[in-house]
């Protein structure tokens, strides 16, 4: 029997409380057992080599050159606004834009801001349940949809679809670890599902809540729009993994097959947050002002899907650090995330990944659900 919602929340809140209140003291006594970290961005020495002054190569480079994600997006924002202004009311069906909706701060902020700035844009929100959704995230969706006053579609593929995807992915990590393999694959299917829904419903735009960091470092391009030339292709691989290795023919058909649609039927995939380029605290402040997020259910630790803690633990055992650190360290370098908070979070994750504190039960449960054991993914809690 799996953990109850209350047990999941208690464990997640316990992790957060420990990171904020206990770990700053605890770390003094175990510091010698932890990886050294950059004093400017908290990057682990296992992730990026540190120089003699304990500054990582990336921070040292940034002192002399502009960071790869720190550039002006005002022209992108102007073009994005033009696209949305012209899109209001042009959908050949009921809607003009499809918005993937997680119930979290980013997608909630995205919908409300679009509603305020483009009131004639007809929005359909949709959620993909990957069978590992946090029960808190589901409650957030139910609570917030009436406030957003937006039509909503729930999509839930058979559980075996995700079990196969996650099981194969976690056993075949690429160099980008759990973030770049399992989590990336999960995100790619969400986008493929959005493409298929939009094409079938004649919805011209998809508005996805990926940040500028996720677009540049995850999708590997610099634009607020996904390259149109790629939308005509059929999906055969995800995160470098061949779909035929873990999905049957019926399951492969659930992924995007762009060749089945004409150019005018393929939706445009846009990333508003790439143009807006906001700090985490700015979005948090805005969703509070909008009355869209309850404080007790705002934390990503509580709302992220239940496979995420396992990915962090597997990363630490395999690489010595969590693959999610890449994104947050870049954000710290650009002044868009708090150094102390995220250093403490990733240090404690490194520590607890070795002894299982707060994470052991959820890791075992998630592995059981996909038919694996701790040894199958190289975890050894001591």
Protein backbone atom coordinates (compact mmCIF):
# COMPACT_ATOMS: atom_id res chain seq x y z
CA UNK A 1 0.00 0.00 0.00
CA UNK A 2 1.40 3.41 -0.97
CA UNK A 3 1.89 6.40 1.28
CA UNK A 4 -1.16 8.49 2.03
CA UNK A 5 -1.42 12.12 1.00
CA UNK A 6 -0.80 13.14 4.62
CA UNK A 7 2.36 11.01 4.80
CA UNK A 8 3.67 12.46 1.54
CA UNK A 9 3.05 16.03 2.73
CA UNK A 10 4.58 15.32 6.14
CA UNK A 11 7.75 13.92 4.58
CA UNK A 12 8.07 16.78 2.08
CA UNK A 13 7.43 19.41 4.74
CA UNK A 14 9.90 17.66 7.02
CA UNK A 15 12.54 17.87 4.29
CA UNK A 16 11.84 21.58 3.81
CA UNK A 17 11.88 22.35 7.52
CA UNK A 18 15.15 20.49 7.98
CA UNK A 19 16.77 22.32 5.06
CA UNK A 20 15.74 25.75 6.35
CA UNK A 21 16.14 25.35 10.10
CA UNK A 22 18.29 22.35 11.06
CA UNK A 23 20.68 21.82 8.17
CA UNK A 24 22.56 25.14 8.57
CA UNK A 25 23.69 23.83 11.98
CA UNK A 26 23.96 20.13 11.07
CA UNK A 27 26.18 20.82 8.05
CA UNK A 28 28.92 22.20 10.32
CA UNK A 29 29.42 18.72 11.78
CA UNK A 30 29.33 16.78 8.48
CA UNK A 31 30.92 19.30 6.15
CA UNK A 32 34.00 17.13 5.63
CA UNK A 33 31.77 14.40 4.13
CA UNK A 34 30.16 16.74 1.59
CA UNK A 35 31.38 17.82 -1.81
CA UNK A 36 32.95 21.26 -2.00
CA UNK A 37 30.73 23.85 -3.67
CA UNK A 38 31.26 27.09 -5.52
CA UNK A 39 30.91 30.03 -3.13
CA UNK A 40 29.06 32.05 -5.78
CA UNK A 41 26.54 29.61 -7.34
CA UNK A 42 26.70 26.50 -5.07
CA UNK A 43 27.75 24.19 -7.94
CA UNK A 44 29.18 20.90 -6.71
CA UNK A 45 32.82 20.12 -7.49
CA UNK A 46 31.52 16.88 -9.04
CA UNK A 47 29.49 18.93 -11.52
CA UNK A 48 31.90 21.77 -12.38
CA UNK A 49 35.62 21.95 -11.52
CA UNK A 50 36.44 24.50 -8.82
CA UNK A 51 39.40 26.85 -9.08
CA UNK A 52 41.75 27.66 -6.21
CA UNK A 53 39.50 30.40 -4.80
CA UNK A 54 36.57 27.89 -4.67
CA UNK A 55 34.84 29.62 -7.55
CA UNK A 56 33.65 27.31 -10.31
CA UNK A 57 34.75 27.66 -13.92
CA UNK A 58 31.31 28.95 -14.96
CA UNK A 59 31.31 31.76 -12.40
CA UNK A 60 34.91 32.61 -13.29
CA UNK A 61 33.89 32.79 -16.95
CA UNK A 62 30.91 34.98 -16.11
CA UNK A 63 33.22 37.53 -14.51
CA UNK A 64 34.67 38.17 -17.95
CA UNK A 65 31.83 37.27 -20.30
CA UNK A 66 28.04 37.48 -20.31
CA UNK A 67 26.21 34.43 -18.99
CA UNK A 68 24.55 32.35 -21.72
CA UNK A 69 21.07 33.01 -20.32
CA UNK A 70 21.59 36.65 -19.36
CA UNK A 71 20.53 38.64 -22.43
CA UNK A 72 17.82 41.12 -23.43
CA UNK A 73 14.52 39.56 -24.52
CA UNK A 74 12.62 42.81 -25.15
CA UNK A 75 12.46 42.25 -28.91
CA UNK A 76 11.24 38.69 -28.34
CA UNK A 77 8.53 40.04 -26.03
CA UNK A 78 7.42 42.54 -28.66
CA UNK A 79 7.10 39.81 -31.30
CA UNK A 80 5.39 37.46 -28.83
CA UNK A 81 2.80 40.12 -27.96
CA UNK A 82 2.12 40.66 -31.66
CA UNK A 83 1.55 36.93 -32.18
CA UNK A 84 -0.95 36.73 -29.32
CA UNK A 85 -2.73 39.95 -30.27
CA UNK A 86 -3.26 38.62 -33.78
CA UNK A 87 -4.30 35.18 -32.50
CA UNK A 88 -7.33 36.38 -30.53
CA UNK A 89 -10.42 34.74 -31.99
CA UNK A 90 -8.71 33.16 -35.01
CA UNK A 91 -8.89 29.50 -33.94
CA UNK A 92 -10.96 27.43 -36.35
CA UNK A 93 -12.49 25.58 -33.40
CA UNK A 94 -13.54 26.72 -29.93
CA UNK A 95 -10.11 27.86 -28.75
CA UNK A 96 -7.13 29.98 -29.77
CA UNK A 97 -4.54 28.68 -27.27
CA UNK A 98 -3.87 25.47 -25.38
CA UNK A 99 -2.03 25.83 -22.05
CA UNK A 100 -0.42 22.83 -20.27
CA UNK A 101 -1.49 23.30 -16.65
CA UNK A 102 0.18 21.76 -13.58
CA UNK A 103 -1.59 23.69 -10.83
CA UNK A 104 1.76 25.25 -9.87
CA UNK A 105 2.79 28.88 -9.67
CA UNK A 106 4.27 29.21 -13.16
CA UNK A 107 1.33 27.83 -15.15
CA UNK A 108 -1.18 29.62 -12.91
CA UNK A 109 0.63 32.93 -13.38
CA UNK A 110 0.89 32.31 -17.12
CA UNK A 111 -2.85 31.79 -17.58
CA UNK A 112 -3.87 34.80 -15.48
CA UNK A 113 -1.39 37.15 -17.14
CA UNK A 114 -2.48 36.02 -20.60
CA UNK A 115 -6.11 36.57 -19.57
CA UNK A 116 -5.31 40.09 -18.39
CA UNK A 117 -3.21 41.13 -21.39
CA UNK A 118 -5.13 39.29 -24.13
CA UNK A 119 -8.73 39.05 -22.87
CA UNK A 120 -10.13 37.89 -26.23
CA UNK A 121 -7.78 34.90 -26.47
CA UNK A 122 -9.87 31.75 -25.95
CA UNK A 123 -7.90 29.43 -23.67
CA UNK A 124 -8.19 25.69 -23.04
CA UNK A 125 -6.05 24.45 -20.14
CA UNK A 126 -5.06 20.81 -20.05
CA UNK A 127 -3.26 18.50 -17.65
CA UNK A 128 -1.49 15.22 -18.30
CA UNK A 129 -1.64 12.87 -15.31
CA UNK A 130 1.52 10.78 -15.50
CA UNK A 131 0.21 8.39 -12.79
CA UNK A 132 2.80 9.82 -10.35
CA UNK A 133 1.15 13.20 -9.72
CA UNK A 134 1.37 14.64 -6.25
CA UNK A 135 -2.06 14.52 -4.56
CA UNK A 136 -1.42 18.12 -3.51
CA UNK A 137 -0.96 19.13 -7.16
CA UNK A 138 -4.31 17.54 -8.01
CA UNK A 139 -5.98 19.44 -5.19
CA UNK A 140 -4.36 22.68 -6.38
CA UNK A 141 -5.76 22.12 -9.87
CA UNK A 142 -9.27 21.53 -8.51
CA UNK A 143 -9.04 24.61 -6.28
CA UNK A 144 -7.53 26.99 -8.83
CA UNK A 145 -9.46 26.20 -12.01
CA UNK A 146 -12.64 27.94 -10.74
CA UNK A 147 -10.55 31.02 -9.85
CA UNK A 148 -8.96 31.05 -13.29
CA UNK A 149 -12.38 30.51 -14.91
CA UNK A 150 -10.91 28.54 -17.79
CA UNK A 151 -12.02 25.39 -19.62
CA UNK A 152 -9.90 22.38 -18.72
CA UNK A 153 -9.11 18.96 -20.13
CA UNK A 154 -7.57 16.07 -18.14
CA UNK A 155 -5.54 13.46 -20.04
CA UNK A 156 -4.36 10.25 -18.41
CA UNK A 157 -2.64 7.56 -20.51
CA UNK A 158 -2.64 4.01 -19.18
CA UNK A 159 -0.30 3.66 -16.19
CA UNK A 160 1.82 1.09 -18.05
CA UNK A 161 2.77 3.81 -20.56
CA UNK A 162 4.60 5.79 -17.89
CA UNK A 163 5.88 2.78 -15.98
CA UNK A 164 7.70 1.62 -19.11
CA UNK A 165 9.00 5.11 -19.88
CA UNK A 166 10.25 5.83 -16.36
CA UNK A 167 11.63 2.34 -15.73
CA UNK A 168 13.67 2.34 -18.94
CA UNK A 169 14.76 5.95 -18.49
CA UNK A 170 16.03 5.61 -14.93
CA UNK A 171 18.07 2.54 -15.91
CA UNK A 172 19.52 4.27 -18.98
CA UNK A 173 20.40 7.76 -17.79
CA UNK A 174 22.19 10.02 -20.23
CA UNK A 175 24.89 12.49 -19.18
CA UNK A 176 22.21 14.91 -17.96
CA UNK A 177 21.00 12.42 -15.33
CA UNK A 178 17.43 12.11 -14.10
CA UNK A 179 16.58 15.66 -15.15
CA UNK A 180 17.81 15.10 -18.69
CA UNK A 181 16.41 11.61 -19.14
CA UNK A 182 13.30 10.78 -17.10
CA UNK A 183 12.06 14.28 -16.31
CA UNK A 184 12.86 15.51 -19.82
CA UNK A 185 10.99 12.54 -21.35
CA UNK A 186 8.00 13.28 -19.14
CA UNK A 187 8.02 16.89 -20.33
CA UNK A 188 8.42 15.90 -23.96
CA UNK A 189 5.36 13.65 -23.81
CA UNK A 190 3.39 16.47 -22.23
CA UNK A 191 4.34 18.69 -25.18
CA UNK A 192 3.59 15.93 -27.68
CA UNK A 193 0.18 15.41 -26.10
CA UNK A 194 -0.41 19.16 -26.37
CA UNK A 195 0.56 19.11 -30.05
CA UNK A 196 -1.85 16.25 -30.77
CA UNK A 197 -4.74 17.84 -28.88
CA UNK A 198 -4.17 21.22 -30.51
CA UNK A 199 -3.96 19.71 -34.00
CA UNK A 200 -7.14 17.69 -33.50
CA UNK A 201 -9.08 20.62 -32.02
CA UNK A 202 -7.74 23.16 -34.56
CA UNK A 203 -6.07 25.23 -31.83
CA UNK A 204 -3.33 27.38 -33.43
CA UNK A 205 -1.16 28.08 -30.34
CA UNK A 206 0.31 26.16 -27.41
CA UNK A 207 1.57 28.33 -24.52
CA UNK A 208 3.97 26.38 -22.32
CA UNK A 209 5.25 27.58 -18.92
CA UNK A 210 8.92 26.63 -19.41
CA UNK A 211 11.38 29.23 -18.15
CA UNK A 212 14.14 30.76 -20.27
CA UNK A 213 16.57 28.39 -18.51
CA UNK A 214 14.51 25.34 -19.42
CA UNK A 215 14.21 26.42 -23.05
CA UNK A 216 17.92 27.16 -23.46
CA UNK A 217 19.41 24.38 -21.37
CA UNK A 218 16.71 21.72 -21.73
CA UNK A 219 15.36 22.16 -25.24
CA UNK A 220 18.67 23.59 -26.50
CA UNK A 221 17.56 26.64 -28.47
CA UNK A 222 17.25 30.40 -27.93
CA UNK A 223 13.79 31.54 -28.98
CA UNK A 224 10.31 32.00 -27.54
CA UNK A 225 9.01 29.66 -30.27
CA UNK A 226 9.84 26.01 -30.89
CA UNK A 227 11.47 25.68 -34.34
CA UNK A 228 8.74 25.21 -36.95
CA UNK A 229 10.87 22.93 -39.13
CA UNK A 230 10.95 20.34 -36.33
CA UNK A 231 7.17 20.19 -35.93
CA UNK A 232 6.71 18.20 -39.14
CA UNK A 233 8.77 15.26 -37.87
CA UNK A 234 7.52 12.02 -36.28
CA UNK A 235 8.76 11.16 -32.80
CA UNK A 236 11.07 8.11 -32.78
CA UNK A 237 13.34 8.93 -29.81
CA UNK A 238 13.08 10.86 -26.58
CA UNK A 239 16.12 12.00 -24.57
CA UNK A 240 18.17 9.88 -26.93
CA UNK A 241 16.18 6.76 -26.07
CA UNK A 242 14.47 4.84 -28.94
CA UNK A 243 10.74 4.56 -28.26
CA UNK A 244 10.69 1.05 -29.75
CA UNK A 245 12.89 -0.18 -26.89
CA UNK A 246 10.16 0.28 -24.26
CA UNK A 247 6.85 1.08 -26.03
CA UNK A 248 4.68 -1.08 -28.25
CA UNK A 249 3.21 0.19 -31.51
CA UNK A 250 0.01 1.41 -29.88
CA UNK A 251 1.94 3.37 -27.25
CA UNK A 252 4.26 4.94 -29.84
CA UNK A 253 1.19 6.34 -31.60
CA UNK A 254 0.49 8.46 -28.50
CA UNK A 255 3.61 10.50 -29.23
CA UNK A 256 3.61 13.31 -31.82
CA UNK A 257 3.54 12.39 -35.50
CA UNK A 258 3.86 15.69 -37.32
CA UNK A 259 3.86 14.14 -40.79
CA UNK A 260 0.17 13.29 -40.36
CA UNK A 261 -0.80 16.97 -40.33
CA UNK A 262 -0.52 19.77 -42.85
CA UNK A 263 1.43 22.92 -42.09
CA UNK A 264 -1.69 24.90 -41.17
CA UNK A 265 -2.84 22.20 -38.74
CA UNK A 266 0.42 22.01 -36.79
CA UNK A 267 0.18 24.33 -33.77
CA UNK A 268 2.85 26.89 -32.90
CA UNK A 269 4.54 26.11 -29.57
CA UNK A 270 5.43 29.29 -27.63
CA UNK A 271 7.17 29.94 -24.30
CA UNK A 272 5.88 33.17 -22.69
CA UNK A 273 8.18 32.94 -19.65
CA UNK A 274 11.17 32.97 -21.99
CA UNK A 275 10.17 36.52 -22.96
CA UNK A 276 9.00 37.61 -19.51
CA UNK A 277 12.25 36.32 -17.90
CA UNK A 278 11.09 36.74 -14.30
CA UNK A 279 12.73 35.88 -11.02
CA UNK A 280 11.18 33.13 -8.90
CA UNK A 281 10.29 35.65 -6.19
CA UNK A 282 8.52 37.90 -8.69
CA UNK A 283 6.24 35.07 -9.83
CA UNK A 284 5.57 34.03 -6.23
CA UNK A 285 4.70 37.60 -5.31
CA UNK A 286 2.36 37.91 -8.29
CA UNK A 287 0.46 34.66 -7.70
CA UNK A 288 -0.02 35.71 -4.07
CA UNK A 289 -1.38 39.05 -5.24
CA UNK A 290 -3.67 37.27 -7.69
CA UNK A 291 -4.92 34.97 -4.93
CA UNK A 292 -4.02 31.89 -6.99
CA UNK A 293 -1.79 29.88 -4.68
CA UNK A 294 -2.33 28.79 -1.10
CA UNK A 295 0.87 29.24 0.91
CA UNK A 296 0.83 25.73 2.36
CA UNK A 297 0.62 24.12 -1.07
CA UNK A 298 2.96 26.43 -2.96
CA UNK A 299 6.23 24.54 -2.48
CA UNK A 300 7.57 22.54 -5.45
CA UNK A 301 8.78 19.94 -2.95
CA UNK A 302 5.12 19.23 -2.20
CA UNK A 303 3.66 19.67 -5.68
CA UNK A 304 6.28 18.03 -7.92
CA UNK A 305 5.42 14.57 -9.15
CA UNK A 306 6.39 11.71 -6.87
CA UNK A 307 9.22 10.36 -9.03
CA UNK A 308 11.35 13.50 -8.59
CA UNK A 309 12.90 12.62 -5.18
CA UNK A 310 13.99 9.24 -6.56
CA UNK A 311 15.69 10.94 -9.51
CA UNK A 312 17.64 13.19 -7.17
CA UNK A 313 18.82 10.25 -5.08
CA UNK A 314 19.82 8.19 -8.12
CA UNK A 315 21.77 11.18 -9.47
CA UNK A 316 23.71 11.58 -6.24
CA UNK A 317 24.67 7.90 -6.23
CA UNK A 318 25.66 7.95 -9.90
CA UNK A 319 27.17 11.43 -10.35
CA UNK A 320 27.69 12.81 -6.85
CA UNK A 321 25.16 15.63 -7.34
CA UNK A 322 21.57 16.15 -8.50
CA UNK A 323 21.16 16.88 -12.20
CA UNK A 324 18.64 19.61 -11.26
CA UNK A 325 21.57 21.63 -9.92
CA UNK A 326 22.56 22.72 -13.42
CA UNK A 327 19.42 24.80 -13.87
CA UNK A 328 19.35 26.30 -10.39
CA UNK A 329 23.05 27.17 -10.36
CA UNK A 330 22.57 29.06 -13.62
CA UNK A 331 19.65 30.90 -12.07
CA UNK A 332 21.78 31.80 -9.05
CA UNK A 333 24.51 33.17 -11.34
CA UNK A 334 21.92 35.39 -13.01
CA UNK A 335 20.55 36.57 -9.67
CA UNK A 336 17.21 34.83 -10.20
CA UNK A 337 17.43 32.27 -7.35
CA UNK A 338 18.66 32.40 -3.76
CA UNK A 339 22.19 31.05 -3.21
CA UNK A 340 21.81 30.03 0.45
CA UNK A 341 18.47 28.28 0.05
CA UNK A 342 19.52 26.18 -2.93
CA UNK A 343 22.98 25.41 -1.54
CA UNK A 344 21.35 24.06 1.60
CA UNK A 345 18.78 22.11 -0.42
CA UNK A 346 21.31 20.37 -2.64
CA UNK A 347 23.78 19.78 0.19
CA UNK A 348 21.09 18.14 2.27
CA UNK A 349 19.92 16.09 -0.69
CA UNK A 350 23.50 14.89 -1.15
CA UNK A 351 23.63 13.96 2.54
CA UNK A 352 20.20 12.33 2.83
CA UNK A 353 20.65 10.39 -0.42
CA UNK A 354 23.27 8.36 1.43
CA UNK A 355 21.25 7.56 4.55
CA UNK A 356 17.66 7.77 3.28
CA UNK A 357 16.41 10.40 5.72
CA UNK A 358 13.00 11.67 4.45
CA UNK A 359 13.49 10.00 1.05
CA UNK A 360 13.93 6.26 1.62
CA UNK A 361 10.25 5.29 1.74
CA UNK A 362 9.22 7.29 -1.31
CA UNK A 363 12.19 5.94 -3.30
CA UNK A 364 11.31 2.34 -2.48
CA UNK A 365 7.63 2.90 -3.25
CA UNK A 366 8.32 4.53 -6.63
CA UNK A 367 10.73 1.77 -7.61
CA UNK A 368 8.19 -0.88 -6.62
CA UNK A 369 5.61 0.78 -8.85
CA UNK A 370 7.85 0.45 -11.90
CA UNK A 371 9.06 -3.04 -11.01
CA UNK A 372 12.57 -2.13 -9.84
CA UNK A 373 14.62 -2.34 -6.66
CA UNK A 374 17.18 -0.06 -5.02
CA UNK A 375 20.03 -2.17 -6.37
CA UNK A 376 18.64 -1.94 -9.93
CA UNK A 377 19.37 1.80 -9.92
CA UNK A 378 22.54 1.76 -7.79
CA UNK A 379 21.10 3.07 -4.51
CA UNK A 380 22.64 1.88 -1.26
CA UNK A 381 21.25 3.63 1.85
CA UNK A 382 23.74 3.24 4.71
